[in-house]
Structures are given as structure tokens and as C-alpha cells.
PDB file of all heavy atoms in Angstrom:
ATOM      1  N   ALA A   1       7.474 -28.150  80.057  1.00  0.00           N
ATOM      2  CA  ALA A   1       7.095 -29.502  80.451  1.00  0.00           C
ATOM      3  C   ALA A   1       6.680 -30.306  79.264  1.00  0.00           C
ATOM      4  O   ALA A   1       6.274 -29.751  78.234  1.00  0.00           O
ATOM      5  CB  ALA A   1       5.967 -29.470  81.496  1.00  0.00           C
ATOM      6  N   ALA A   2       6.768 -31.624  79.374  1.00  0.00           N
ATOM      7  CA  ALA A   2       6.346 -32.507  78.291  1.00  0.00           C
ATOM      8  C   ALA A   2       5.789 -33.806  78.852  1.00  0.00           C
ATOM      9  O   ALA A   2       6.152 -34.204  79.978  1.00  0.00           O
ATOM     10  CB  ALA A   2       7.495 -32.806  77.331  1.00  0.00           C
ATOM     11  N   ILE A   3       4.955 -34.487  78.075  1.00  0.00           N
ATOM     12  CA  ILE A   3       4.345 -35.730  78.505  1.00  0.00           C
ATOM     13  C   ILE A   3       4.213 -36.649  77.314  1.00  0.00           C
ATOM     14  O   ILE A   3       3.892 -36.221  76.231  1.00  0.00           O
ATOM     15  CB  ILE A   3       2.986 -35.472  79.188  1.00  0.00           C
ATOM     16  CG1 ILE A   3       2.424 -36.750  79.827  1.00  0.00           C
ATOM     17  CG2 ILE A   3       1.989 -34.844  78.214  1.00  0.00           C
ATOM     18  CD1 ILE A   3       1.229 -36.469  80.748  1.00  0.00           C
ATOM     19  N   ASN A   4       4.451 -37.938  77.506  1.00  0.00           N
ATOM     20  CA  ASN A   4       4.355 -38.871  76.398  1.00  0.00           C
ATOM     21  C   ASN A   4       2.905 -39.231  76.106  1.00  0.00           C
ATOM     22  O   ASN A   4       2.008 -38.843  76.861  1.00  0.00           O
ATOM     23  CB  ASN A   4       5.240 -40.114  76.623  1.00  0.00           C
ATOM     24  CG  ASN A   4       4.665 -41.059  77.655  1.00  0.00           C
ATOM     25  OD1 ASN A   4       3.820 -40.707  78.464  1.00  0.00           O
ATOM     26  ND2 ASN A   4       5.131 -42.310  77.637  1.00  0.00           N
ATOM     27  N   TRP A   5       2.670 -40.022  75.082  1.00  0.00           N
ATOM     28  CA  TRP A   5       1.302 -40.274  74.632  1.00  0.00           C
ATOM     29  C   TRP A   5       0.498 -41.102  75.618  1.00  0.00           C
ATOM     30  O   TRP A   5      -0.743 -40.970  75.677  1.00  0.00           O
ATOM     31  CB  TRP A   5       1.287 -40.950  73.247  1.00  0.00           C
ATOM     32  CG  TRP A   5       1.804 -42.369  73.241  1.00  0.00           C
ATOM     33  CD1 TRP A   5       3.092 -42.811  73.139  1.00  0.00           C
ATOM     34  CD2 TRP A   5       1.016 -43.551  73.328  1.00  0.00           C
ATOM     35  NE1 TRP A   5       3.162 -44.171  73.127  1.00  0.00           N
ATOM     36  CE2 TRP A   5       1.877 -44.645  73.230  1.00  0.00           C
ATOM     37  CE3 TRP A   5      -0.371 -43.815  73.459  1.00  0.00           C
ATOM     38  CZ2 TRP A   5       1.420 -45.979  73.292  1.00  0.00           C
ATOM     39  CZ3 TRP A   5      -0.816 -45.109  73.504  1.00  0.00           C
ATOM     40  CH2 TRP A   5       0.071 -46.185  73.417  1.00  0.00           C
ATOM     41  N   ILE A   6       1.157 -41.909  76.430  1.00  0.00           N
ATOM     42  CA  ILE A   6       0.491 -42.701  77.452  1.00  0.00           C
ATOM     43  C   ILE A   6       0.170 -41.859  78.690  1.00  0.00           C
ATOM     44  O   ILE A   6      -0.806 -42.061  79.391  1.00  0.00           O
ATOM     45  CB  ILE A   6       1.310 -43.926  77.844  1.00  0.00           C
ATOM     46  CG1 ILE A   6       1.580 -44.819  76.654  1.00  0.00           C
ATOM     47  CG2 ILE A   6       0.624 -44.723  78.938  1.00  0.00           C
ATOM     48  CD1 ILE A   6       2.481 -45.999  76.934  1.00  0.00           C
ATOM     49  N   GLY A   7       1.049 -40.868  78.948  1.00  0.00           N
ATOM     50  CA  GLY A   7       0.892 -40.042  80.111  1.00  0.00           C
ATOM     51  C   GLY A   7       1.687 -40.544  81.318  1.00  0.00           C
ATOM     52  O   GLY A   7       1.521 -40.014  82.428  1.00  0.00           O
ATOM     53  N   LYS A   8       2.558 -41.514  81.101  1.00  0.00           N
ATOM     54  CA  LYS A   8       3.334 -42.093  82.196  1.00  0.00           C
ATOM     55  C   LYS A   8       4.714 -41.474  82.352  1.00  0.00           C
ATOM     56  O   LYS A   8       5.374 -41.689  83.348  1.00  0.00           O
ATOM     57  CB  LYS A   8       3.462 -43.590  82.012  1.00  0.00           C
ATOM     58  CG  LYS A   8       2.134 -44.331  81.997  1.00  0.00           C
ATOM     59  CD  LYS A   8       1.452 -44.257  83.333  1.00  0.00           C
ATOM     60  CE  LYS A   8       0.190 -45.096  83.390  1.00  0.00           C
ATOM     61  NZ  LYS A   8      -0.511 -45.000  84.693  1.00  0.00           N
ATOM     62  N   THR A   9       5.171 -40.772  81.322  1.00  0.00           N
ATOM     63  CA  THR A   9       6.506 -40.176  81.361  1.00  0.00           C
ATOM     64  C   THR A   9       6.367 -38.671  81.214  1.00  0.00           C
ATOM     65  O   THR A   9       5.714 -38.192  80.277  1.00  0.00           O
ATOM     66  CB  THR A   9       7.395 -40.719  80.236  1.00  0.00           C
ATOM     67  OG1 THR A   9       7.514 -42.157  80.358  1.00  0.00           O
ATOM     68  CG2 THR A   9       8.772 -40.088  80.287  1.00  0.00           C
ATOM     69  N   THR A  10       6.991 -37.941  82.137  1.00  0.00           N
ATOM     70  CA  THR A  10       6.931 -36.478  82.089  1.00  0.00           C
ATOM     71  C   THR A  10       8.332 -35.883  82.304  1.00  0.00           C
ATOM     72  O   THR A  10       9.188 -36.521  82.929  1.00  0.00           O
ATOM     73  CB  THR A  10       6.002 -35.903  83.160  1.00  0.00           C
ATOM     74  OG1 THR A  10       6.419 -36.359  84.461  1.00  0.00           O
ATOM     75  CG2 THR A  10       4.573 -36.387  82.938  1.00  0.00           C
ATOM     76  N   TYR A  11       8.505 -34.696  81.778  1.00  0.00           N
ATOM     77  CA  TYR A  11       9.758 -33.941  81.970  1.00  0.00           C
ATOM     78  C   TYR A  11       9.399 -32.518  82.287  1.00  0.00           C
ATOM     79  O   TYR A  11       8.412 -31.957  81.784  1.00  0.00           O
ATOM     80  CB  TYR A  11      10.611 -33.993  80.699  1.00  0.00           C
ATOM     81  CG  TYR A  11      11.156 -35.334  80.346  1.00  0.00           C
ATOM     82  CD1 TYR A  11      10.513 -36.135  79.384  1.00  0.00           C
ATOM     83  CD2 TYR A  11      12.297 -35.853  80.948  1.00  0.00           C
ATOM     84  CE1 TYR A  11      10.987 -37.385  79.071  1.00  0.00           C
ATOM     85  CE2 TYR A  11      12.775 -37.095  80.628  1.00  0.00           C
ATOM     86  CZ  TYR A  11      12.126 -37.858  79.688  1.00  0.00           C
ATOM     87  OH  TYR A  11      12.632 -39.104  79.376  1.00  0.00           O
ATOM     88  N   TYR A  12      10.213 -31.885  83.115  1.00  0.00           N
ATOM     89  CA  TYR A  12      10.034 -30.504  83.512  1.00  0.00           C
ATOM     90  C   TYR A  12      11.359 -29.786  83.505  1.00  0.00           C
ATOM     91  O   TYR A  12      12.405 -30.347  83.809  1.00  0.00           O
ATOM     92  CB  TYR A  12       9.445 -30.397  84.915  1.00  0.00           C
ATOM     93  CG  TYR A  12       8.089 -31.051  85.074  1.00  0.00           C
ATOM     94  CD1 TYR A  12       7.993 -32.363  85.483  1.00  0.00           C
ATOM     95  CD2 TYR A  12       6.920 -30.329  84.846  1.00  0.00           C
ATOM     96  CE1 TYR A  12       6.754 -32.982  85.640  1.00  0.00           C
ATOM     97  CE2 TYR A  12       5.688 -30.929  85.005  1.00  0.00           C
ATOM     98  CZ  TYR A  12       5.609 -32.243  85.401  1.00  0.00           C
ATOM     99  OH  TYR A  12       4.379 -32.817  85.572  1.00  0.00           O
ATOM    100  N   THR A  13      11.292 -28.504  83.145  1.00  0.00           N
ATOM    101  CA  THR A  13      12.490 -27.699  83.329  1.00  0.00           C
ATOM    102  C   THR A  13      12.678 -27.467  84.815  1.00  0.00           C
ATOM    103  O   THR A  13      11.733 -27.434  85.607  1.00  0.00           O
ATOM    104  CB  THR A  13      12.333 -26.356  82.573  1.00  0.00           C
ATOM    105  OG1 THR A  13      13.605 -25.673  82.542  1.00  0.00           O
ATOM    106  CG2 THR A  13      11.318 -25.455  83.217  1.00  0.00           C
ATOM    107  N   ASP A  14      13.923 -27.315  85.244  1.00  0.00           N
ATOM    108  CA  ASP A  14      14.251 -27.271  86.666  1.00  0.00           C
ATOM    109  C   ASP A  14      13.504 -26.161  87.419  1.00  0.00           C
ATOM    110  O   ASP A  14      13.100 -26.331  88.584  1.00  0.00           O
ATOM    111  CB  ASP A  14      15.766 -27.071  86.874  1.00  0.00           C
ATOM    112  CG  ASP A  14      16.547 -28.322  86.575  1.00  0.00           C
ATOM    113  OD1 ASP A  14      15.940 -29.410  86.483  1.00  0.00           O
ATOM    114  OD2 ASP A  14      17.773 -28.207  86.385  1.00  0.00           O
ATOM    115  N   SER A  15      13.265 -25.032  86.779  1.00  0.00           N
ATOM    116  CA  SER A  15      12.680 -23.917  87.463  1.00  0.00           C
ATOM    117  C   SER A  15      11.208 -24.114  87.848  1.00  0.00           C
ATOM    118  O   SER A  15      10.683 -23.360  88.672  1.00  0.00           O
ATOM    119  CB  SER A  15      12.802 -22.631  86.607  1.00  0.00           C
ATOM    120  OG  SER A  15      12.062 -22.783  85.396  1.00  0.00           O
ATOM    121  N   VAL A  16      10.536 -25.125  87.278  1.00  0.00           N
ATOM    122  CA  VAL A  16       9.125 -25.337  87.607  1.00  0.00           C
ATOM    123  C   VAL A  16       8.881 -26.662  88.326  1.00  0.00           C
ATOM    124  O   VAL A  16       7.743 -26.929  88.716  1.00  0.00           O
ATOM    125  CB  VAL A  16       8.232 -25.296  86.342  1.00  0.00           C
ATOM    126  CG1 VAL A  16       8.497 -24.017  85.551  1.00  0.00           C
ATOM    127  CG2 VAL A  16       8.468 -26.511  85.439  1.00  0.00           C
ATOM    128  N   LYS A  17       9.900 -27.478  88.526  1.00  0.00           N
ATOM    129  CA  LYS A  17       9.748 -28.747  89.218  1.00  0.00           C
ATOM    130  C   LYS A  17       9.196 -28.525  90.628  1.00  0.00           C
ATOM    131  O   LYS A  17       9.630 -27.688  91.376  1.00  0.00           O
ATOM    132  CB  LYS A  17      11.058 -29.501  89.286  1.00  0.00           C
ATOM    133  CG  LYS A  17      11.527 -30.068  87.961  1.00  0.00           C
ATOM    134  CD  LYS A  17      12.824 -30.818  88.107  1.00  0.00           C
ATOM    135  CE  LYS A  17      13.262 -31.446  86.774  1.00  0.00           C
ATOM    136  NZ  LYS A  17      14.578 -32.140  86.879  1.00  0.00           N
ATOM    137  N   GLY A  18       8.167 -29.332  90.958  1.00  0.00           N
ATOM    138  CA  GLY A  18       7.533 -29.202  92.243  1.00  0.00           C
ATOM    139  C   GLY A  18       6.426 -28.185  92.268  1.00  0.00           C
ATOM    140  O   GLY A  18       5.670 -28.148  93.272  1.00  0.00           O
ATOM    141  N   ARG A  19       6.288 -27.366  91.244  1.00  0.00           N
ATOM    142  CA  ARG A  19       5.238 -26.348  91.203  1.00  0.00           C
ATOM    143  C   ARG A  19       4.244 -26.575  90.077  1.00  0.00           C
ATOM    144  O   ARG A  19       3.069 -26.321  90.230  1.00  0.00           O
ATOM    145  CB  ARG A  19       5.881 -24.955  91.043  1.00  0.00           C
ATOM    146  CG  ARG A  19       6.800 -24.568  92.170  1.00  0.00           C
ATOM    147  CD  ARG A  19       7.223 -23.070  92.078  1.00  0.00           C
ATOM    148  NE  ARG A  19       7.962 -22.810  90.837  1.00  0.00           N
ATOM    149  CZ  ARG A  19       7.559 -21.946  89.885  1.00  0.00           C
ATOM    150  NH1 ARG A  19       6.397 -21.292  90.034  1.00  0.00           N
ATOM    151  NH2 ARG A  19       8.268 -21.751  88.803  1.00  0.00           N
ATOM    152  N   PHE A  20       4.745 -27.042  88.934  1.00  0.00           N
ATOM    153  CA  PHE A  20       3.913 -27.285  87.740  1.00  0.00           C
ATOM    154  C   PHE A  20       3.681 -28.767  87.548  1.00  0.00           C
ATOM    155  O   PHE A  20       4.602 -29.575  87.808  1.00  0.00           O
ATOM    156  CB  PHE A  20       4.548 -26.697  86.505  1.00  0.00           C
ATOM    157  CG  PHE A  20       4.630 -25.206  86.426  1.00  0.00           C
ATOM    158  CD1 PHE A  20       4.322 -24.399  87.519  1.00  0.00           C
ATOM    159  CD2 PHE A  20       4.993 -24.571  85.233  1.00  0.00           C
ATOM    160  CE1 PHE A  20       4.398 -23.018  87.451  1.00  0.00           C
ATOM    161  CE2 PHE A  20       5.076 -23.203  85.168  1.00  0.00           C
ATOM    162  CZ  PHE A  20       4.784 -22.428  86.269  1.00  0.00           C
ATOM    163  N   THR A  21       2.512 -29.127  87.027  1.00  0.00           N
ATOM    164  CA  THR A  21       2.221 -30.505  86.694  1.00  0.00           C
ATOM    165  C   THR A  21       1.539 -30.578  85.333  1.00  0.00           C
ATOM    166  O   THR A  21       0.529 -29.921  85.103  1.00  0.00           O
ATOM    167  CB  THR A  21       1.295 -31.135  87.755  1.00  0.00           C
ATOM    168  OG1 THR A  21       1.892 -31.070  89.051  1.00  0.00           O
ATOM    169  CG2 THR A  21       1.032 -32.607  87.418  1.00  0.00           C
ATOM    170  N   ILE A  22       2.114 -31.367  84.443  1.00  0.00           N
ATOM    171  CA  ILE A  22       1.520 -31.569  83.138  1.00  0.00           C
ATOM    172  C   ILE A  22       0.733 -32.905  83.204  1.00  0.00           C
ATOM    173  O   ILE A  22       1.155 -33.865  83.794  1.00  0.00           O
ATOM    174  CB  ILE A  22       2.592 -31.630  82.025  1.00  0.00           C
ATOM    175  CG1 ILE A  22       1.929 -31.687  80.667  1.00  0.00           C
ATOM    176  CG2 ILE A  22       3.565 -32.772  82.226  1.00  0.00           C
ATOM    177  CD1 ILE A  22       2.910 -31.524  79.481  1.00  0.00           C
ATOM    178  N   SER A  23      -0.431 -32.910  82.550  1.00  0.00           N
ATOM    179  CA  SER A  23      -1.242 -34.098  82.466  1.00  0.00           C
ATOM    180  C   SER A  23      -2.030 -34.080  81.182  1.00  0.00           C
ATOM    181  O   SER A  23      -2.092 -33.073  80.514  1.00  0.00           O
ATOM    182  CB  SER A  23      -2.176 -34.203  83.677  1.00  0.00           C
ATOM    183  OG  SER A  23      -3.088 -33.112  83.725  1.00  0.00           O
ATOM    184  N   ARG A  24      -2.615 -35.220  80.848  1.00  0.00           N
ATOM    185  CA  ARG A  24      -3.441 -35.277  79.638  1.00  0.00           C
ATOM    186  C   ARG A  24      -4.626 -36.203  79.820  1.00  0.00           C
ATOM    187  O   ARG A  24      -4.567 -37.150  80.607  1.00  0.00           O
ATOM    188  CB  ARG A  24      -2.556 -35.732  78.441  1.00  0.00           C
ATOM    189  CG  ARG A  24      -2.103 -37.174  78.496  1.00  0.00           C
ATOM    190  CD  ARG A  24      -1.086 -37.468  77.401  1.00  0.00           C
ATOM    191  NE  ARG A  24      -1.620 -37.285  76.079  1.00  0.00           N
ATOM    192  CZ  ARG A  24      -0.890 -37.186  74.983  1.00  0.00           C
ATOM    193  NH1 ARG A  24       0.433 -37.200  75.065  1.00  0.00           N
ATOM    194  NH2 ARG A  24      -1.482 -37.013  73.791  1.00  0.00           N
ATOM    195  N   ASP A  25      -5.664 -35.911  79.097  1.00  0.00           N
ATOM    196  CA  ASP A  25      -6.843 -36.730  79.068  1.00  0.00           C
ATOM    197  C   ASP A  25      -7.142 -37.000  77.605  1.00  0.00           C
ATOM    198  O   ASP A  25      -7.740 -36.194  76.916  1.00  0.00           O
ATOM    199  CB  ASP A  25      -8.043 -36.037  79.753  1.00  0.00           C
ATOM    200  CG  ASP A  25      -9.274 -36.902  79.856  1.00  0.00           C
ATOM    201  OD1 ASP A  25      -9.376 -37.900  79.107  1.00  0.00           O
ATOM    202  OD2 ASP A  25     -10.124 -36.585  80.698  1.00  0.00           O
ATOM    203  N   ASN A  26      -6.685 -38.174  77.127  1.00  0.00           N
ATOM    204  CA  ASN A  26      -6.830 -38.477  75.704  1.00  0.00           C
ATOM    205  C   ASN A  26      -8.301 -38.600  75.279  1.00  0.00           C
ATOM    206  O   ASN A  26      -8.599 -38.344  74.127  1.00  0.00           O
ATOM    207  CB  ASN A  26      -6.052 -39.759  75.403  1.00  0.00           C
ATOM    208  CG  ASN A  26      -4.566 -39.568  75.438  1.00  0.00           C
ATOM    209  OD1 ASN A  26      -4.056 -38.428  75.398  1.00  0.00           O
ATOM    210  ND2 ASN A  26      -3.811 -40.666  75.530  1.00  0.00           N
ATOM    211  N   ALA A  27      -9.153 -39.043  76.203  1.00  0.00           N
ATOM    212  CA  ALA A  27     -10.563 -39.179  75.870  1.00  0.00           C
ATOM    213  C   ALA A  27     -11.167 -37.803  75.553  1.00  0.00           C
ATOM    214  O   ALA A  27     -12.151 -37.692  74.791  1.00  0.00           O
ATOM    215  CB  ALA A  27     -11.325 -39.836  76.993  1.00  0.00           C
ATOM    216  N   LYS A  28     -10.615 -36.746  76.158  1.00  0.00           N
ATOM    217  CA  LYS A  28     -11.125 -35.393  75.931  1.00  0.00           C
ATOM    218  C   LYS A  28     -10.224 -34.595  74.993  1.00  0.00           C
ATOM    219  O   LYS A  28     -10.482 -33.417  74.781  1.00  0.00           O
ATOM    220  CB  LYS A  28     -11.230 -34.648  77.254  1.00  0.00           C
ATOM    221  CG  LYS A  28     -12.246 -35.221  78.217  1.00  0.00           C
ATOM    222  CD  LYS A  28     -12.349 -34.424  79.525  1.00  0.00           C
ATOM    223  CE  LYS A  28     -13.402 -34.984  80.444  1.00  0.00           C
ATOM    224  NZ  LYS A  28     -13.498 -34.190  81.685  1.00  0.00           N
ATOM    225  N   ASN A  29      -9.196 -35.225  74.482  1.00  0.00           N
ATOM    226  CA  ASN A  29      -8.258 -34.571  73.554  1.00  0.00           C
ATOM    227  C   ASN A  29      -7.700 -33.260  74.183  1.00  0.00           C
ATOM    228  O   ASN A  29      -7.637 -32.231  73.502  1.00  0.00           O
ATOM    229  CB  ASN A  29      -8.928 -34.248  72.197  1.00  0.00           C
ATOM    230  CG  ASN A  29      -9.241 -35.501  71.415  1.00  0.00           C
ATOM    231  OD1 ASN A  29      -8.667 -36.561  71.622  1.00  0.00           O
ATOM    232  ND2 ASN A  29     -10.149 -35.366  70.474  1.00  0.00           N
ATOM    233  N   THR A  30      -7.334 -33.330  75.432  1.00  0.00           N
ATOM    234  CA  THR A  30      -6.910 -32.153  76.155  1.00  0.00           C
ATOM    235  C   THR A  30      -5.666 -32.432  76.972  1.00  0.00           C
ATOM    236  O   THR A  30      -5.535 -33.478  77.588  1.00  0.00           O
ATOM    237  CB  THR A  30      -8.027 -31.663  77.082  1.00  0.00           C
ATOM    238  OG1 THR A  30      -9.221 -31.422  76.316  1.00  0.00           O
ATOM    239  CG2 THR A  30      -7.622 -30.394  77.791  1.00  0.00           C
ATOM    240  N   VAL A  31      -4.773 -31.449  76.981  1.00  0.00           N
ATOM    241  CA  VAL A  31      -3.567 -31.444  77.795  1.00  0.00           C
ATOM    242  C   VAL A  31      -3.658 -30.303  78.777  1.00  0.00           C
ATOM    243  O   VAL A  31      -4.122 -29.226  78.428  1.00  0.00           O
ATOM    244  CB  VAL A  31      -2.300 -31.356  76.956  1.00  0.00           C
ATOM    245  CG1 VAL A  31      -1.043 -31.303  77.827  1.00  0.00           C
ATOM    246  CG2 VAL A  31      -2.198 -32.523  75.982  1.00  0.00           C
ATOM    247  N   TYR A  32      -3.190 -30.492  79.993  1.00  0.00           N
ATOM    248  CA  TYR A  32      -3.276 -29.473  81.031  1.00  0.00           C
ATOM    249  C   TYR A  32      -1.918 -29.135  81.612  1.00  0.00           C
ATOM    250  O   TYR A  32      -0.978 -29.943  81.575  1.00  0.00           O
ATOM    251  CB  TYR A  32      -4.142 -29.967  82.188  1.00  0.00           C
ATOM    252  CG  TYR A  32      -5.509 -30.442  81.784  1.00  0.00           C
ATOM    253  CD1 TYR A  32      -5.783 -31.791  81.568  1.00  0.00           C
ATOM    254  CD2 TYR A  32      -6.566 -29.539  81.613  1.00  0.00           C
ATOM    255  CE1 TYR A  32      -7.010 -32.237  81.187  1.00  0.00           C
ATOM    256  CE2 TYR A  32      -7.811 -29.967  81.243  1.00  0.00           C
ATOM    257  CZ  TYR A  32      -8.044 -31.299  81.017  1.00  0.00           C
ATOM    258  OH  TYR A  32      -9.296 -31.717  80.662  1.00  0.00           O
TER     259      TYR A  32
END
């Protein structure tokens, strides 16, 4: 999975779509 710097654009490999979610909190310098 990948996410852009704003957090509005995401990509997932087909095998994890619908099961995995990528997100980020720039204020906490953390990606989940």
C-alpha cells in the first residue's frame, strides 16, 4: 500500500484491497 503526502490518494495491491487500510498522521509523524 502507499499514500501521498496529503493523505488523499492511496494505492493497494489487489490481494489486500478491502482488508487493509493505509493512513497517516503528519502531526505525529506516523503512518499506519
